[in-house]
Amino acid sequence: MKNSTLNILLLSLLLFVVGTCNGYSIEYDWVINESGTYTLEEDLIISEYKYGILINASNVTINGNNFKLIGHNNHDNIGILINYDWMTDKIYGDIEIKNLNISNFSSGIYMEEAKRVSIHNCEFWNNTHVIIVRGSPELYTYLNTFGPNQSSRVNSDPLCSPKAVYEYKGKEHTYRLGNYYIPALDLKDTDNDGVLNGVMLSNEWDGYDPYPLKEAPSNYVIKELYYPTVENLPSYANPVIVDIFALADEPEYYMGKVRPEPTSEPEPTPNGGSGKGTVVKEQEKQGTREGFGSQNIRDRVTLSNVIADDPLDADLARKQLKDNVIGSEDDMSLNEDAVIIGGPVSNAFANKYNHMFEKPVTNDYPGENTGVIQVLRIQEEAGGIVQTHYIVYIAGSDRYGTQAAVEYFKTLTELPDEPILVKWVDGKPVLVE
């Protein structure tokens, strides 16, 4: 690797033109063809119809030095492109982008098939997409600031760091760190570790941050990073994490804990009524069943899409929860409250989002005749407004496990903070302590 630091002022004199198959050319203001560290010494302003920086090498660090990379009015352009030559299958990796303010691009950063990319301590403003990632394993995006009305398209990894030892408010913590969002998210930091309890979901369904930050990145000091081992896979396949938390004595799951807050009971109305007229009418419309352990859980079922694909799962849901049970559709995303019945084998919606839950369901987990109840709390920002959605996942490794979890779910008084295991024993659900 070449360890020189190159001045962007010299490199920006080079105008690079890439010809495409149809004769259309893309001009880059700055091209990196060799390994090394490249540092900005002033703002880089990209003119109309040009892209910003093209990376054509591995082992590259771009240090923005807190300067700005500014596009021309968000005009169908890219700030930084990590190149991929599909004709030769040439893939670049070990790339770091840091301390850079990126604004006014259609895509702030774009990569396809790149490996081991870290993006941290950057700011993103007025971009259509902060980042677009296609099939790039080992992506780490953390300690960045994301301004409002931007989205991300990431189909490989969540937007967060590897396991980190960091200092926050004078105390040392070991966890993962995500990114800071403006406007601030309506989530709590119950552990006082600077990480909010919940998931930030991009406007696009496939960009999500399970460890959003409570405060601006300047309040966090990273001491050490521990990267997991990743199996070698074909370029078109997503990575498989082998060693999730390198220092943990016992295996930890990839996603952090998500602690949804229970839905509060409505306040009584001035005339002494229950204040639930709207919910009651909706329950009649949805055909919500009786026999719930609390009105809180019954209301949650009423106001959620109950999703079941398998006929037996759907029949179970109708008998236990409500008449209005729907099947999965390709365009479904996490932008509405939902109760998922059945695991990834029997439910396409569950298969799509199984990896986002703290305890992904498999044929072996939670085990024979055992089911799991878990909740994902989603924060979605659109147009400066933050909305909260609850995704309840009820599934087992087999049908008895799913039935146990569904029946036990009805007895709850509030949504659980952590996954609950339930086993079918002698014809009834029994909590696994």
Protein backbone atom coordinates (compact mmCIF):
# COMPACT_ATOMS: atom_id res chain seq x y z
CA MET A 1 0.00 0.00 0.00
CA LYS A 2 1.25 3.45 -0.84
CA ASN A 3 1.29 5.56 2.32
CA SER A 4 1.60 8.99 0.77
CA THR A 5 -0.79 11.87 1.40
CA LEU A 6 -1.84 13.60 -1.80
CA ASN A 7 -3.18 17.10 -2.08
CA ILE A 8 -6.64 17.19 -3.64
CA LEU A 9 -5.86 20.53 -5.27
CA LEU A 10 -3.36 18.81 -7.55
CA LEU A 11 -5.54 15.82 -8.27
CA SER A 12 -8.59 17.92 -9.08
CA LEU A 13 -6.71 19.30 -12.07
CA LEU A 14 -7.19 15.91 -13.67
CA LEU A 15 -10.51 15.54 -15.46
CA PHE A 16 -11.40 11.91 -15.93
CA VAL A 17 -13.86 10.69 -18.55
CA VAL A 18 -15.45 7.24 -18.45
CA GLY A 19 -17.08 6.01 -21.66
CA THR A 20 -20.12 3.81 -21.34
CA CYS A 21 -21.50 1.24 -23.73
CA ASN A 22 -24.00 3.66 -25.24
CA GLY A 23 -21.43 6.37 -25.85
CA TYR A 24 -22.51 8.55 -22.93
CA SER A 25 -19.58 9.78 -20.86
CA ILE A 26 -19.36 10.49 -17.14
CA GLU A 27 -16.81 13.05 -15.98
CA TYR A 28 -15.19 12.82 -12.55
CA ASP A 29 -13.47 15.73 -10.91
CA TRP A 30 -11.07 13.54 -8.99
CA VAL A 31 -9.89 9.97 -9.73
CA ILE A 32 -7.98 7.64 -7.41
CA ASN A 33 -6.08 4.90 -9.23
CA GLU A 34 -3.53 3.99 -6.54
CA SER A 35 -3.61 2.92 -2.91
CA GLY A 36 -2.92 5.66 -0.40
CA THR A 37 -4.34 8.36 1.86
CA TYR A 38 -5.94 11.31 0.09
CA THR A 39 -6.67 14.48 2.07
CA LEU A 40 -8.76 17.51 1.14
CA GLU A 41 -7.26 20.92 1.82
CA GLU A 42 -10.29 22.97 0.80
CA ASP A 43 -13.92 22.48 -0.27
CA LEU A 44 -14.39 20.57 -3.52
CA ILE A 45 -17.29 22.02 -5.53
CA ILE A 46 -18.48 19.87 -8.45
CA SER A 47 -19.81 21.62 -11.53
CA GLU A 48 -23.00 20.66 -13.34
CA TYR A 49 -23.16 17.27 -15.10
CA LYS A 50 -20.01 16.03 -13.34
CA TYR A 51 -19.52 13.45 -10.61
CA GLY A 52 -17.23 13.94 -7.64
CA ILE A 53 -14.66 11.25 -6.79
CA LEU A 54 -14.04 7.89 -8.49
CA ILE A 55 -12.17 5.19 -6.54
CA ASN A 56 -10.37 2.72 -8.81
CA ALA A 57 -8.13 1.06 -6.21
CA SER A 58 -8.07 -0.87 -2.95
CA ASN A 59 -6.50 0.23 0.35
CA VAL A 60 -7.68 3.82 -0.03
CA THR A 61 -8.43 6.39 2.68
CA ILE A 62 -10.20 9.65 1.89
CA ASN A 63 -9.81 12.12 4.74
CA GLY A 64 -12.08 15.10 4.15
CA ASN A 65 -10.33 17.06 6.88
CA ASN A 66 -13.82 18.47 7.69
CA PHE A 67 -14.06 20.17 4.29
CA LYS A 68 -17.04 19.88 1.94
CA LEU A 69 -17.77 17.89 -1.20
CA ILE A 70 -20.63 19.80 -2.86
CA GLY A 71 -22.63 18.69 -5.88
CA HIS A 72 -24.54 20.83 -8.35
CA ASN A 73 -28.11 21.13 -7.09
CA ASN A 74 -28.66 17.41 -6.58
CA HIS A 75 -28.64 16.93 -10.36
CA ASP A 76 -28.52 13.17 -11.06
CA ASN A 77 -24.97 12.94 -9.72
CA ILE A 78 -22.78 10.95 -7.34
CA GLY A 79 -20.42 12.32 -4.72
CA ILE A 80 -18.11 9.30 -4.33
CA LEU A 81 -18.28 6.16 -6.48
CA ILE A 82 -16.38 3.02 -5.51
CA ASN A 83 -15.99 1.43 -8.91
CA TYR A 84 -16.85 -2.11 -9.92
CA ASP A 85 -15.85 -3.48 -13.33
CA TRP A 86 -18.60 -5.96 -14.14
CA MET A 87 -16.79 -7.15 -17.30
CA THR A 88 -13.69 -8.32 -15.40
CA ASP A 89 -15.38 -8.71 -11.98
CA LYS A 90 -12.72 -6.43 -10.52
CA ILE A 91 -13.69 -5.62 -6.93
CA TYR A 92 -12.05 -3.02 -4.69
CA GLY A 93 -11.89 -3.13 -0.90
CA ASP A 94 -10.38 -1.84 2.34
CA ILE A 95 -11.67 1.69 1.76
CA GLU A 96 -12.20 4.34 4.42
CA ILE A 97 -14.10 7.63 3.98
CA LYS A 98 -14.03 10.00 6.95
CA ASN A 99 -14.32 13.62 8.11
CA LEU A 100 -16.14 14.77 4.98
CA ASN A 101 -19.27 16.89 4.54
CA ILE A 102 -21.17 15.60 1.48
CA SER A 103 -24.12 17.56 0.08
CA ASN A 104 -26.30 18.21 -2.98
CA PHE A 105 -25.94 14.81 -4.70
CA SER A 106 -28.46 12.29 -5.94
CA SER A 107 -26.25 9.71 -4.20
CA GLY A 108 -23.72 10.86 -1.64
CA ILE A 109 -21.77 7.58 -1.83
CA TYR A 110 -22.41 4.73 -4.26
CA MET A 111 -20.78 1.29 -4.26
CA GLU A 112 -21.38 -2.10 -5.80
CA GLU A 113 -19.61 -5.29 -4.67
CA ALA A 114 -16.97 -3.32 -2.73
CA LYS A 115 -15.51 -5.10 0.30
CA ARG A 116 -14.61 -3.81 3.76
CA VAL A 117 -15.73 -0.20 3.50
CA SER A 118 -15.88 2.15 6.50
CA ILE A 119 -17.72 5.48 6.39
CA HIS A 120 -17.49 7.47 9.60
CA ASN A 121 -17.49 10.98 11.06
CA CYS A 122 -19.03 12.40 7.89
CA GLU A 123 -22.03 14.69 7.44
CA PHE A 124 -24.70 14.29 4.76
CA TRP A 125 -27.02 17.13 3.76
CA ASN A 126 -29.53 17.68 0.96
CA ASN A 127 -28.81 14.40 -0.83
CA THR A 128 -31.56 12.24 -2.28
CA HIS A 129 -29.74 9.16 -1.03
CA VAL A 130 -27.03 9.29 1.61
CA ILE A 131 -25.63 6.01 0.38
CA ILE A 132 -26.53 3.32 -2.15
CA VAL A 133 -24.96 -0.09 -1.61
CA ARG A 134 -25.44 -3.16 -3.76
CA GLY A 135 -24.02 -6.47 -2.59
CA SER A 136 -21.06 -5.01 -0.70
CA PRO A 137 -20.13 -7.14 2.33
CA GLU A 138 -18.56 -5.76 5.51
CA LEU A 139 -19.90 -2.22 5.31
CA TYR A 140 -19.50 -0.12 8.46
CA THR A 141 -21.32 3.22 8.56
CA TYR A 142 -21.14 4.96 11.94
CA LEU A 143 -20.69 8.24 13.81
CA ASN A 144 -22.08 10.14 10.83
CA THR A 145 -24.64 12.94 10.89
CA PHE A 146 -27.64 12.52 8.58
CA GLY A 147 -29.68 15.62 7.82
CA PRO A 148 -33.45 15.47 7.16
CA ASN A 149 -35.28 14.17 4.09
CA GLN A 150 -32.58 11.76 2.91
CA SER A 151 -32.74 7.99 2.51
CA SER A 152 -30.38 5.06 2.02
CA ARG A 153 -30.50 1.90 -0.04
CA VAL A 154 -28.39 -0.78 1.57
CA ASN A 155 -28.96 -4.47 0.87
CA SER A 156 -26.07 -5.96 2.82
CA ASP A 157 -25.41 -4.61 6.31
CA PRO A 158 -27.08 -2.31 8.84
CA LEU A 159 -25.78 1.25 9.15
CA CYS A 160 -23.53 0.83 12.18
CA SER A 161 -20.03 0.12 13.48
CA PRO A 162 -18.41 -3.19 14.31
CA LYS A 163 -18.18 -3.94 18.02
CA ALA A 164 -16.68 -0.85 19.63
CA VAL A 165 -15.10 0.07 22.93
CA TYR A 166 -15.92 3.75 23.33
CA GLU A 167 -16.15 6.54 25.86
CA TYR A 168 -19.39 8.46 26.39
CA LYS A 169 -19.92 11.06 29.12
CA GLY A 170 -16.77 9.96 30.92
CA LYS A 171 -17.69 6.26 31.02
CA GLU A 172 -16.43 3.40 28.90
CA HIS A 173 -18.90 1.15 27.08
CA THR A 174 -18.70 -1.83 24.74
CA TYR A 175 -21.43 -1.96 22.12
CA ARG A 176 -22.11 -0.94 18.53
CA LEU A 177 -22.58 2.65 17.39
CA GLY A 178 -24.88 3.91 14.67
CA ASN A 179 -25.42 7.42 13.37
CA TYR A 180 -26.93 10.74 14.50
CA TYR A 181 -30.16 11.91 12.88
CA ILE A 182 -31.65 15.37 12.43
CA PRO A 183 -34.39 15.94 13.49
CA ALA A 184 -33.78 14.05 16.72
CA LEU A 185 -35.48 10.68 17.11
CA ASP A 186 -38.21 10.16 19.68
CA LEU A 187 -36.45 7.24 21.37
CA LYS A 188 -35.02 6.63 24.84
CA ASP A 189 -31.53 5.70 26.02
CA THR A 190 -32.42 3.44 28.93
CA ASP A 191 -28.86 2.15 29.41
CA ASN A 192 -27.25 5.62 29.39
CA ASP A 193 -24.70 4.41 26.84
CA GLY A 194 -25.53 7.03 24.21
CA VAL A 195 -27.36 4.53 21.99
CA LEU A 196 -31.12 4.90 21.59
CA ASN A 197 -33.40 1.91 22.09
CA GLY A 198 -34.98 1.34 18.70
CA VAL A 199 -34.31 1.17 14.98
CA MET A 200 -34.05 4.08 12.56
CA LEU A 201 -35.58 3.06 9.25
CA SER A 202 -34.70 4.99 6.12
CA ASN A 203 -37.41 6.21 3.76
CA GLU A 204 -36.27 3.31 1.59
CA TRP A 205 -37.19 0.01 3.23
CA ASP A 206 -33.74 -1.54 3.08
CA GLY A 207 -31.58 1.05 4.84
CA TYR A 208 -31.79 0.70 8.62
CA ASP A 209 -29.80 1.70 11.70
CA PRO A 210 -30.31 -0.48 14.80
CA TYR A 211 -28.05 1.67 17.01
CA PRO A 212 -29.02 5.34 16.44
CA LEU A 213 -27.07 7.85 18.52
CA LYS A 214 -28.56 10.00 21.25
CA GLU A 215 -26.13 12.88 20.66
CA ALA A 216 -23.86 14.28 17.96
CA PRO A 217 -20.85 12.09 17.06
CA SER A 218 -18.40 14.48 18.75
CA ASN A 219 -19.65 13.14 22.11
CA TYR A 220 -18.29 9.64 21.42
CA VAL A 221 -14.62 8.63 21.53
CA ILE A 222 -13.79 5.21 20.08
CA LYS A 223 -10.97 3.39 21.86
CA GLU A 224 -10.98 0.09 19.96
CA LEU A 225 -12.89 -1.65 17.16
CA TYR A 226 -13.35 -5.41 16.82
CA TYR A 227 -14.26 -6.68 13.38
CA PRO A 228 -16.10 -10.00 12.98
CA THR A 229 -14.90 -12.79 10.72
CA VAL A 230 -16.85 -13.06 7.49
CA GLU A 231 -17.08 -16.20 5.36
CA ASN A 232 -15.87 -15.96 1.78
CA LEU A 233 -18.89 -15.99 -0.50
CA PRO A 234 -19.59 -15.31 -4.17
CA SER A 235 -19.82 -11.61 -4.96
CA TYR A 236 -23.58 -11.81 -5.46
CA ALA A 237 -24.26 -13.29 -2.00
CA ASN A 238 -24.65 -11.42 1.26
CA PRO A 239 -21.96 -12.03 3.90
CA VAL A 240 -22.41 -14.53 6.71
CA ILE A 241 -21.13 -13.27 10.05
CA VAL A 242 -19.18 -16.06 11.74
CA ASP A 243 -17.85 -14.38 14.87
CA ILE A 244 -20.32 -11.68 15.82
CA PHE A 245 -18.76 -10.17 18.93
CA ALA A 246 -15.10 -11.11 18.98
CA LEU A 247 -14.68 -10.50 22.74
CA ALA A 248 -17.94 -11.99 23.99
CA ASP A 249 -17.72 -15.07 26.22
CA GLU A 250 -21.01 -16.31 24.81
CA PRO A 251 -22.36 -15.74 21.29
CA GLU A 252 -24.20 -12.48 20.76
CA TYR A 253 -26.71 -11.89 18.01
CA TYR A 254 -25.92 -9.44 15.24
CA MET A 255 -28.72 -7.03 16.04
CA GLY A 256 -28.80 -5.13 19.31
CA LYS A 257 -31.67 -5.21 21.73
CA VAL A 258 -34.72 -3.27 20.67
CA ARG A 259 -36.85 -2.09 23.56
CA PRO A 260 -40.25 -0.93 22.37
CA GLU A 261 -42.34 1.09 24.73
CA PRO A 262 -45.78 -0.36 25.47
CA THR A 263 -48.72 1.46 23.96
CA SER A 264 -50.19 3.72 26.62
CA GLU A 265 -53.85 3.46 27.53
CA PRO A 266 -55.95 6.40 26.26
CA GLU A 267 -56.90 9.09 28.77
CA PRO A 268 -60.58 9.17 29.86
CA THR A 269 -62.69 11.66 27.95
CA PRO A 270 -64.27 14.63 29.80
CA ASN A 271 -67.74 13.10 29.64
CA GLY A 272 -66.57 10.02 31.51
CA GLY A 273 -66.38 7.81 28.43
CA SER A 274 -63.55 5.40 27.72
CA GLY A 275 -62.02 7.47 24.92
CA LYS A 276 -61.84 4.32 22.78
CA GLY A 277 -64.72 4.88 20.42
CA THR A 278 -62.53 4.83 17.32
CA VAL A 279 -60.66 1.71 18.41
CA VAL A 280 -63.88 -0.07 19.34
CA LYS A 281 -65.36 0.59 15.90
CA GLU A 282 -62.14 -0.60 14.28
CA GLN A 283 -62.19 -3.75 16.40
CA GLU A 284 -65.69 -4.49 15.18
CA LYS A 285 -64.56 -3.91 11.59
CA GLN A 286 -61.44 -6.07 11.95
CA GLY A 287 -63.26 -8.79 13.89
CA THR A 288 -60.78 -8.68 16.76
CA ARG A 289 -61.25 -11.60 19.16
CA GLU A 290 -62.03 -11.43 22.85
CA GLY A 291 -60.01 -13.10 25.60
CA PHE A 292 -56.90 -10.90 25.53
CA GLY A 293 -54.97 -10.34 28.75
CA SER A 294 -55.21 -6.57 28.33
CA GLN A 295 -56.95 -3.95 26.24
CA ASN A 296 -53.47 -2.69 25.35
CA ILE A 297 -52.57 -5.88 23.44
CA ARG A 298 -56.05 -6.15 21.90
CA ASP A 299 -55.76 -2.59 20.56
CA ARG A 300 -52.31 -3.40 19.17
CA VAL A 301 -53.72 -6.36 17.23
CA THR A 302 -56.64 -4.29 15.97
CA LEU A 303 -54.44 -1.51 14.61
CA SER A 304 -51.84 -3.84 13.06
CA ASN A 305 -51.72 -5.86 9.86
CA VAL A 306 -51.78 -9.52 10.91
CA ILE A 307 -49.70 -11.29 8.25
CA ALA A 308 -49.76 -15.06 7.70
CA ASP A 309 -49.08 -16.97 4.47
CA ASP A 310 -49.43 -20.57 5.57
CA PRO A 311 -53.10 -21.72 5.70
CA LEU A 312 -52.68 -23.29 9.15
CA ASP A 313 -50.95 -20.18 10.51
CA ALA A 314 -53.67 -17.97 9.02
CA ASP A 315 -56.38 -20.15 10.56
CA LEU A 316 -54.63 -19.95 13.94
CA ALA A 317 -54.40 -16.17 13.67
CA ARG A 318 -58.10 -15.86 12.81
CA LYS A 319 -59.13 -18.05 15.73
CA GLN A 320 -56.89 -16.34 18.28
CA LEU A 321 -56.41 -12.74 17.08
CA LYS A 322 -58.84 -11.40 14.45
CA ASP A 323 -60.74 -12.22 11.27
CA ASN A 324 -58.84 -9.82 9.02
CA VAL A 325 -55.62 -11.74 8.32
CA ILE A 326 -53.67 -10.90 5.15
CA GLY A 327 -50.93 -12.61 3.17
CA SER A 328 -47.50 -11.25 2.30
CA GLU A 329 -47.03 -9.05 -0.75
CA ASP A 330 -43.79 -8.20 -2.53
CA ASP A 331 -44.06 -4.46 -1.89
CA MET A 332 -44.70 -4.76 1.85
CA SER A 333 -42.22 -2.97 4.10
CA LEU A 334 -41.82 -1.94 7.73
CA ASN A 335 -43.80 1.27 7.37
CA GLU A 336 -46.94 0.00 9.13
CA ASP A 337 -47.67 -1.76 12.42
CA ALA A 338 -47.70 -5.52 11.89
CA VAL A 339 -48.08 -8.84 13.68
CA ILE A 340 -46.17 -11.55 11.80
CA ILE A 341 -47.37 -15.12 12.29
CA GLY A 342 -44.98 -17.91 11.30
CA GLY A 343 -41.26 -18.06 10.59
CA PRO A 344 -39.21 -17.50 7.43
CA VAL A 345 -40.07 -20.87 5.88
CA SER A 346 -43.83 -20.34 5.98
CA ASN A 347 -44.10 -16.53 5.82
CA ALA A 348 -42.47 -14.50 3.02
CA PHE A 349 -42.67 -11.27 5.04
CA ALA A 350 -40.93 -12.97 7.95
CA ASN A 351 -38.27 -14.32 5.59
CA LYS A 352 -37.63 -10.80 4.29
CA TYR A 353 -37.04 -9.26 7.73
CA ASN A 354 -36.05 -12.25 9.88
CA HIS A 355 -32.45 -11.00 10.12
CA MET A 356 -33.50 -7.68 11.66
CA PHE A 357 -34.84 -9.24 14.86
CA GLU A 358 -32.72 -9.97 17.90
CA LYS A 359 -33.45 -13.70 17.67
CA PRO A 360 -33.82 -14.80 14.03
CA VAL A 361 -36.05 -17.86 13.70
CA THR A 362 -34.66 -21.03 12.08
CA ASN A 363 -35.51 -24.74 12.00
CA ASP A 364 -33.27 -25.12 15.05
CA TYR A 365 -34.17 -21.93 16.93
CA PRO A 366 -36.12 -21.55 19.16
CA GLY A 367 -36.35 -25.36 19.05
CA GLU A 368 -38.83 -28.22 19.03
CA ASN A 369 -42.36 -27.26 20.16
CA THR A 370 -41.01 -23.82 21.10
CA GLY A 371 -41.98 -20.38 19.87
CA VAL A 372 -40.65 -16.86 20.33
CA ILE A 373 -42.40 -13.50 20.72
CA GLN A 374 -40.31 -10.42 19.92
CA VAL A 375 -40.90 -6.83 18.92
CA LEU A 376 -39.07 -4.46 16.60
CA ARG A 377 -39.68 -0.76 17.18
CA ILE A 378 -39.16 1.20 13.98
CA GLN A 379 -38.59 4.95 13.74
CA GLU A 380 -39.36 6.23 10.25
CA GLU A 381 -38.52 9.80 9.20
CA ALA A 382 -40.34 11.37 6.29
CA GLY A 383 -40.68 15.05 5.55
CA GLY A 384 -39.25 15.97 8.93
CA ILE A 385 -41.90 13.91 10.76
CA VAL A 386 -40.83 10.86 12.79
CA GLN A 387 -43.32 8.01 13.06
CA THR A 388 -43.08 4.90 15.25
CA HIS A 389 -44.15 1.45 14.06
CA TYR A 390 -44.29 -1.79 16.06
CA ILE A 391 -43.51 -5.09 14.33
CA VAL A 392 -44.52 -8.07 16.49
CA TYR A 393 -42.93 -11.35 15.37
CA ILE A 394 -44.60 -14.55 16.63
CA ALA A 395 -43.09 -17.77 15.29
CA GLY A 396 -41.71 -21.16 16.19
CA SER A 397 -39.44 -23.79 14.72
CA ASP A 398 -42.56 -25.90 14.17
CA ARG A 399 -46.34 -25.52 14.30
CA TYR A 400 -46.66 -26.31 18.00
CA GLY A 401 -44.08 -23.66 18.76
CA THR A 402 -45.98 -21.06 16.73
CA GLN A 403 -49.27 -22.01 18.39
CA ALA A 404 -47.70 -21.74 21.84
CA ALA A 405 -46.33 -18.28 21.07
CA VAL A 406 -49.63 -16.99 19.61
CA GLU A 407 -51.71 -18.21 22.54
CA TYR A 408 -49.25 -16.86 25.09
CA PHE A 409 -49.10 -13.51 23.30
CA LYS A 410 -52.82 -13.08 24.03
CA THR A 411 -52.13 -13.28 27.78
CA LEU A 412 -49.61 -10.41 27.83
CA THR A 413 -50.45 -7.04 29.35
CA GLU A 414 -47.88 -5.12 27.28
CA LEU A 415 -45.44 -5.65 24.44
CA PRO A 416 -42.25 -7.33 25.69
CA ASP A 417 -38.94 -5.49 25.96
CA GLU A 418 -36.98 -8.62 25.07
CA PRO A 419 -37.76 -11.88 23.25
CA ILE A 420 -40.01 -14.31 25.13
CA LEU A 421 -39.67 -18.08 24.65
CA VAL A 422 -42.79 -20.24 25.02
CA LYS A 423 -43.07 -24.03 24.76
CA TRP A 424 -46.11 -26.20 23.97
CA VAL A 425 -46.43 -28.63 26.91
CA ASP A 426 -49.40 -30.95 27.54
CA GLY A 427 -51.68 -29.00 25.23
CA LYS A 428 -50.94 -25.49 26.52
CA PRO A 429 -48.28 -22.76 26.26
CA VAL A 430 -45.68 -22.62 29.02
CA LEU A 431 -43.20 -19.78 29.48
CA VAL A 432 -39.56 -20.86 29.18
CA GLU A 433 -37.65 -19.20 32.01
